[in-house]
Protein backbone atom coordinates (compact mmCIF):
# COMPACT_ATOMS: atom_id res chain seq x y z
CA MET A 1 0.00 0.00 0.00
CA SER A 2 1.25 3.45 -0.89
CA THR A 3 0.86 6.18 1.72
CA THR A 4 0.89 9.97 1.65
CA THR A 5 2.37 11.98 4.51
CA LEU A 6 0.18 14.80 5.76
CA TYR A 7 0.52 17.38 8.54
CA ARG A 8 -1.86 19.08 10.90
CA PRO A 9 -1.31 22.27 12.89
CA LEU A 10 -3.26 22.11 16.13
CA GLY A 11 -3.73 23.40 19.62
CA SER A 12 -3.26 21.64 22.94
CA ASN A 13 -6.90 20.56 23.33
CA GLU A 14 -6.91 18.71 20.01
CA LEU A 15 -3.49 17.24 20.81
CA ALA A 16 -4.80 15.86 24.12
CA LEU A 17 -7.71 14.19 22.34
CA ILE A 18 -5.36 12.62 19.78
CA GLU A 19 -3.17 11.33 22.61
CA ALA A 20 -6.28 9.89 24.32
CA SER A 21 -7.03 7.95 21.12
CA GLY A 22 -3.66 6.23 21.40
CA TRP A 23 -2.30 8.52 18.66
CA LYS A 24 -4.63 6.80 16.16
CA ALA A 25 -7.39 9.31 15.38
CA PHE A 26 -8.36 12.93 15.09
CA PRO A 27 -11.32 13.99 17.27
CA PRO A 28 -14.72 14.81 15.78
CA ARG A 29 -15.10 18.34 14.51
CA LEU A 30 -17.04 20.90 16.50
CA PRO A 31 -20.42 22.03 15.08
CA GLU A 32 -18.85 25.24 13.72
CA GLN A 33 -16.10 23.22 11.97
CA PRO A 34 -17.63 21.55 8.90
CA ILE A 35 -14.27 20.62 7.37
CA PHE A 36 -11.18 18.82 8.63
CA TYR A 37 -8.19 20.14 6.71
CA PRO A 38 -4.86 18.36 6.91
CA VAL A 39 -2.10 20.14 5.00
CA THR A 40 0.25 18.62 2.46
CA ASN A 41 3.58 20.03 3.60
CA LEU A 42 5.48 20.83 6.76
CA ALA A 43 6.24 24.43 5.80
CA TYR A 44 2.54 25.30 5.65
CA ALA A 45 1.81 23.49 8.94
CA ARG A 46 4.60 25.46 10.61
CA GLN A 47 3.30 28.73 9.19
CA ILE A 48 -0.22 28.15 10.53
CA THR A 49 1.13 27.11 13.91
CA LYS A 50 3.49 30.06 14.30
CA GLU A 51 1.24 32.77 12.81
CA TRP A 52 -2.19 31.71 14.09
CA ASN A 53 -2.12 29.08 16.84
CA VAL A 54 0.73 30.50 18.94
CA PRO A 55 -0.59 34.10 18.95
CA ALA A 56 -4.12 32.88 19.73
CA LYS A 57 -3.30 30.29 22.41
CA GLY A 58 0.35 30.84 23.36
CA ILE A 59 1.27 27.37 22.09
CA GLY A 60 0.85 25.35 18.92
CA HIS A 61 1.79 21.90 17.73
CA VAL A 62 2.45 20.15 14.43
CA VAL A 63 1.66 16.48 13.88
CA ARG A 64 2.63 14.21 11.00
CA PHE A 65 0.74 11.14 9.84
CA ALA A 66 0.41 8.82 6.85
CA VAL A 67 -2.81 7.98 5.02
CA ASP A 68 -3.57 5.38 2.36
CA SER A 69 -2.88 7.25 -0.91
CA ALA A 70 -5.64 5.49 -2.86
CA TYR A 71 -8.21 6.63 -0.31
CA LEU A 72 -6.96 10.23 -0.47
CA GLU A 73 -7.72 10.44 -4.20
CA ARG A 74 -11.30 11.31 -3.28
CA PHE A 75 -10.11 14.65 -1.79
CA PRO A 76 -8.57 16.96 -4.40
CA VAL A 77 -5.80 19.22 -3.17
CA GLN A 78 -7.10 22.72 -2.46
CA ASN A 79 -4.70 25.64 -2.81
CA VAL A 80 -5.83 28.43 -0.50
CA GLY A 81 -3.24 31.12 -1.20
CA GLY A 82 0.48 30.89 -1.83
CA ALA A 83 2.53 28.15 -3.42
CA ILE A 84 2.79 26.12 -0.18
CA HIS A 85 -0.83 26.59 0.93
CA ASP A 86 -2.13 23.17 -0.11
CA GLU A 87 -4.62 21.27 2.00
CA LEU A 88 -7.27 18.58 1.74
CA TRP A 89 -10.87 19.31 2.66
CA VAL A 90 -12.45 16.36 4.42
CA PRO A 91 -16.11 16.87 5.34
CA ALA A 92 -16.60 16.55 9.10
CA GLU A 93 -19.05 13.68 8.65
CA GLU A 94 -16.31 11.68 6.87
CA LEU A 95 -13.62 12.13 9.55
CA GLU A 96 -14.24 8.74 11.18
CA GLU A 97 -13.66 7.01 7.83
CA PHE A 98 -10.60 9.21 7.23
CA ASN A 99 -9.21 8.11 10.60
CA ALA A 100 -9.69 4.47 9.60
CA HIS A 101 -7.32 5.06 6.66
CA ILE A 102 -4.47 6.45 8.79
CA VAL A 103 -1.51 4.09 8.53
CA GLY A 104 0.49 3.84 11.74
CA VAL A 105 0.25 6.54 14.38
CA ILE A 106 -0.08 10.31 14.46
CA GLU A 107 3.29 11.76 15.53
CA LEU A 108 3.85 14.99 17.42
CA ILE A 109 6.86 16.47 15.62
CA GLU A 110 7.04 20.12 16.74
CA THR A 111 5.77 22.42 19.47
CA TYR A 112 6.03 26.22 19.43
CA ARG A 113 5.43 28.63 22.28
CA GLY A 114 4.81 32.35 22.26
């Protein structure tokens, strides 16, 4: 099976929920969050963490994880700005299925503080 590495910038609350899952799943989205958006590259994840999460919460984290590439074909890459601003848009109601296609564990790779 071929896998694709993705990244997710997140705050401490989401990180705690991922840890509680045994590093296997992302938590359900909140009602005001209709889309789960992993990003396709580390540079973009770092940018979101440093420019948005740290100023808003004083801390931000970046996780890395692999997903079955064939499954990901259903989610076209969305560019939301600059050259590195690529992400996937996974509808909130499909997050449980998305989690089932994660290969291995979700890894905490970086933490930034304000």
